[in-house]
Amino acid sequence: MVDTHQRTGLPLVVTENGAAYADATLLPDGSVDDADRITYLRSHLAAIDAARSAGADVRGWLVWTLMDNFEWSHGYTKTFGLVSVDRTTLRRTPKRSYDWFADVIRQRGT
């Protein structure tokens, strides 16, 4: 990010940042324990913070994606969403990463 900002002089926005996992660990309430996704996203936010500290003008960061969906490379075997979607009932259930991300937004104020 620092190199890109230095070469272009343009502000940066990181889009579609996410990780595909099988999300097989269910909690008693039916939500998904996606600790791997949280670790992945946390490390990427840390990289953005480091890039900003090094002078990169990073103005935004977007998670990919809010809800599980069909992915061309993985079909429905791996998911990216912060919210699990039951493809039979279409019930939506927030994953642990959803609550984690909500906390990040509250703490950072943006």
C-alpha atoms as a PDB file:
ATOM      1  CA  MET A   1       0.000   0.000   0.000  1.00  0.00           C
ATOM      2  CA  VAL A   2       2.839   2.366   0.803  1.00  0.00           C
ATOM      3  CA  ASP A   3       4.525   1.652  -2.532  1.00  0.00           C
ATOM      4  CA  THR A   4       1.282   2.058  -4.459  1.00  0.00           C
ATOM      5  CA  HIS A   5       0.527   5.347  -2.744  1.00  0.00           C
ATOM      6  CA  GLN A   6       4.065   6.636  -3.361  1.00  0.00           C
ATOM      7  CA  ARG A   7       4.006   5.642  -7.047  1.00  0.00           C
ATOM      8  CA  THR A   8       0.553   7.067  -7.784  1.00  0.00           C
ATOM      9  CA  GLY A   9       0.140   9.828  -5.225  1.00  0.00           C
ATOM     10  CA  LEU A  10      -3.488   8.787  -5.011  1.00  0.00           C
ATOM     11  CA  PRO A  11      -5.539   7.915  -1.930  1.00  0.00           C
ATOM     12  CA  LEU A  12      -6.285   4.197  -1.573  1.00  0.00           C
ATOM     13  CA  VAL A  13      -9.407   2.214  -0.755  1.00  0.00           C
ATOM     14  CA  VAL A  14      -9.041  -1.507  -0.084  1.00  0.00           C
ATOM     15  CA  THR A  15     -12.074  -3.332  -1.462  1.00  0.00           C
ATOM     16  CA  GLU A  16     -13.392  -6.884  -1.352  1.00  0.00           C
ATOM     17  CA  ASN A  17     -10.988  -7.903   1.411  1.00  0.00           C
ATOM     18  CA  GLY A  18     -11.970 -11.331   2.680  1.00  0.00           C
ATOM     19  CA  ALA A  19     -11.052 -14.954   3.107  1.00  0.00           C
ATOM     20  CA  ALA A  20     -12.846 -18.103   2.000  1.00  0.00           C
ATOM     21  CA  TYR A  21     -13.260 -20.800   4.631  1.00  0.00           C
ATOM     22  CA  ALA A  22     -15.445 -23.859   4.972  1.00  0.00           C
ATOM     23  CA  ASP A  23     -17.021 -22.406   8.157  1.00  0.00           C
ATOM     24  CA  ALA A  24     -17.855 -25.829   9.563  1.00  0.00           C
ATOM     25  CA  THR A  25     -17.761 -25.008  13.304  1.00  0.00           C
ATOM     26  CA  LEU A  26     -21.241 -24.267  14.589  1.00  0.00           C
ATOM     27  CA  LEU A  27     -21.916 -22.802  18.015  1.00  0.00           C
ATOM     28  CA  PRO A  28     -24.877 -23.916  20.175  1.00  0.00           C
ATOM     29  CA  ASP A  29     -26.917 -20.889  19.034  1.00  0.00           C
ATOM     30  CA  GLY A  30     -26.507 -21.956  15.381  1.00  0.00           C
ATOM     31  CA  SER A  31     -23.988 -19.267  14.503  1.00  0.00           C
ATOM     32  CA  VAL A  32     -20.640 -19.987  12.867  1.00  0.00           C
ATOM     33  CA  ASP A  33     -17.371 -19.803  14.770  1.00  0.00           C
ATOM     34  CA  ASP A  34     -15.126 -18.335  12.063  1.00  0.00           C
ATOM     35  CA  ALA A  35     -12.044 -17.525  14.127  1.00  0.00           C
ATOM     36  CA  ASP A  36      -9.811 -17.978  11.059  1.00  0.00           C
ATOM     37  CA  ARG A  37     -11.659 -15.193   9.245  1.00  0.00           C
ATOM     38  CA  ILE A  38     -11.341 -12.890  12.258  1.00  0.00           C
ATOM     39  CA  THR A  39      -7.594 -13.557  12.420  1.00  0.00           C
ATOM     40  CA  TYR A  40      -7.267 -12.885   8.685  1.00  0.00           C
ATOM     41  CA  LEU A  41      -9.244  -9.626   8.812  1.00  0.00           C
ATOM     42  CA  ARG A  42      -7.493  -8.454  11.982  1.00  0.00           C
ATOM     43  CA  SER A  43      -4.098  -8.941  10.312  1.00  0.00           C
ATOM     44  CA  HIS A  44      -5.223  -6.970   7.261  1.00  0.00           C
ATOM     45  CA  LEU A  45      -6.457  -4.088   9.403  1.00  0.00           C
ATOM     46  CA  ALA A  46      -3.084  -4.103  11.171  1.00  0.00           C
ATOM     47  CA  ALA A  47      -1.369  -3.898   7.773  1.00  0.00           C
ATOM     48  CA  ILE A  48      -3.528  -0.908   6.854  1.00  0.00           C
ATOM     49  CA  ASP A  49      -2.690   0.780  10.159  1.00  0.00           C
ATOM     50  CA  ALA A  50       1.022   0.160   9.492  1.00  0.00           C
ATOM     51  CA  ALA A  51       0.717   1.527   5.944  1.00  0.00           C
ATOM     52  CA  ARG A  52      -1.024   4.641   7.237  1.00  0.00           C
ATOM     53  CA  SER A  53       1.720   5.111   9.835  1.00  0.00           C
ATOM     54  CA  ALA A  54       4.278   4.833   7.021  1.00  0.00           C
ATOM     55  CA  GLY A  55       2.548   7.594   5.063  1.00  0.00           C
ATOM     56  CA  ALA A  56       0.073   5.787   2.814  1.00  0.00           C
ATOM     57  CA  ASP A  57      -3.196   7.652   2.368  1.00  0.00           C
ATOM     58  CA  VAL A  58      -5.551   4.720   2.951  1.00  0.00           C
ATOM     59  CA  ARG A  59      -9.049   6.154   3.206  1.00  0.00           C
ATOM     60  CA  GLY A  60     -11.187   3.053   3.308  1.00  0.00           C
ATOM     61  CA  TRP A  61     -11.433  -0.686   3.797  1.00  0.00           C
ATOM     62  CA  LEU A  62     -14.338  -2.896   2.787  1.00  0.00           C
ATOM     63  CA  VAL A  63     -14.965  -6.473   3.844  1.00  0.00           C
ATOM     64  CA  TRP A  64     -15.967  -8.977   1.179  1.00  0.00           C
ATOM     65  CA  THR A  65     -18.844  -9.767   1.732  1.00  0.00           C
ATOM     66  CA  LEU A  66     -21.692  -9.219   4.197  1.00  0.00           C
ATOM     67  CA  MET A  67     -23.511 -12.469   3.370  1.00  0.00           C
ATOM     68  CA  ASP A  68     -22.402 -15.854   2.098  1.00  0.00           C
ATOM     69  CA  ASN A  69     -22.959 -16.234  -1.613  1.00  0.00           C
ATOM     70  CA  PHE A  70     -22.005 -18.404  -4.561  1.00  0.00           C
ATOM     71  CA  GLU A  71     -18.357 -17.995  -5.493  1.00  0.00           C
ATOM     72  CA  TRP A  72     -17.210 -19.042  -8.955  1.00  0.00           C
ATOM     73  CA  SER A  73     -13.992 -20.640  -7.734  1.00  0.00           C
ATOM     74  CA  HIS A  74     -15.463 -22.404  -4.672  1.00  0.00           C
ATOM     75  CA  GLY A  75     -19.190 -22.736  -5.343  1.00  0.00           C
ATOM     76  CA  TYR A  76     -20.849 -23.068  -1.940  1.00  0.00           C
ATOM     77  CA  THR A  77     -18.015 -25.113  -0.376  1.00  0.00           C
ATOM     78  CA  LYS A  78     -16.262 -22.075   1.092  1.00  0.00           C
ATOM     79  CA  THR A  79     -17.757 -18.800   2.156  1.00  0.00           C
ATOM     80  CA  PHE A  80     -16.615 -15.216   2.557  1.00  0.00           C
ATOM     81  CA  GLY A  81     -19.547 -13.648   4.382  1.00  0.00           C
ATOM     82  CA  LEU A  82     -19.886 -12.215   7.862  1.00  0.00           C
ATOM     83  CA  VAL A  83     -23.430 -13.592   7.865  1.00  0.00           C
ATOM     84  CA  SER A  84     -24.201 -17.240   7.177  1.00  0.00           C
ATOM     85  CA  VAL A  85     -27.034 -17.981   4.748  1.00  0.00           C
ATOM     86  CA  ASP A  86     -28.832 -21.327   4.946  1.00  0.00           C
ATOM     87  CA  ARG A  87     -29.430 -22.128   1.283  1.00  0.00           C
ATOM     88  CA  THR A  88     -32.477 -24.269   2.097  1.00  0.00           C
ATOM     89  CA  THR A  89     -34.395 -21.863   4.350  1.00  0.00           C
ATOM     90  CA  LEU A  90     -32.551 -18.626   3.432  1.00  0.00           C
ATOM     91  CA  ARG A  91     -32.200 -17.952   7.169  1.00  0.00           C
ATOM     92  CA  ARG A  92     -29.417 -15.496   7.871  1.00  0.00           C
ATOM     93  CA  THR A  93     -27.304 -15.920  10.983  1.00  0.00           C
ATOM     94  CA  PRO A  94     -24.483 -13.541  11.950  1.00  0.00           C
ATOM     95  CA  LYS A  95     -21.118 -15.274  12.372  1.00  0.00           C
ATOM     96  CA  ARG A  96     -18.607 -14.451  15.111  1.00  0.00           C
ATOM     97  CA  SER A  97     -16.801 -12.265  12.559  1.00  0.00           C
ATOM     98  CA  TYR A  98     -19.945 -10.138  12.221  1.00  0.00           C
ATOM     99  CA  ASP A  99     -19.894  -9.312  15.938  1.00  0.00           C
ATOM    100  CA  TRP A 100     -16.129  -8.796  15.836  1.00  0.00           C
ATOM    101  CA  PHE A 101     -16.461  -6.375  12.921  1.00  0.00           C
ATOM    102  CA  ALA A 102     -19.257  -4.475  14.675  1.00  0.00           C
ATOM    103  CA  ASP A 103     -16.932  -4.075  17.698  1.00  0.00           C
ATOM    104  CA  VAL A 104     -14.127  -2.817  15.440  1.00  0.00           C
ATOM    105  CA  ILE A 105     -16.440  -0.191  13.968  1.00  0.00           C
ATOM    106  CA  ARG A 106     -17.611   0.905  17.435  1.00  0.00           C
ATOM    107  CA  GLN A 107     -14.046   1.140  18.761  1.00  0.00           C
ATOM    108  CA  ARG A 108     -12.616   2.958  15.765  1.00  0.00           C
ATOM    109  CA  GLY A 109     -15.599   5.178  15.209  1.00  0.00           C
ATOM    110  CA  THR A 110     -15.576   4.585  11.449  1.00  0.00           C
END
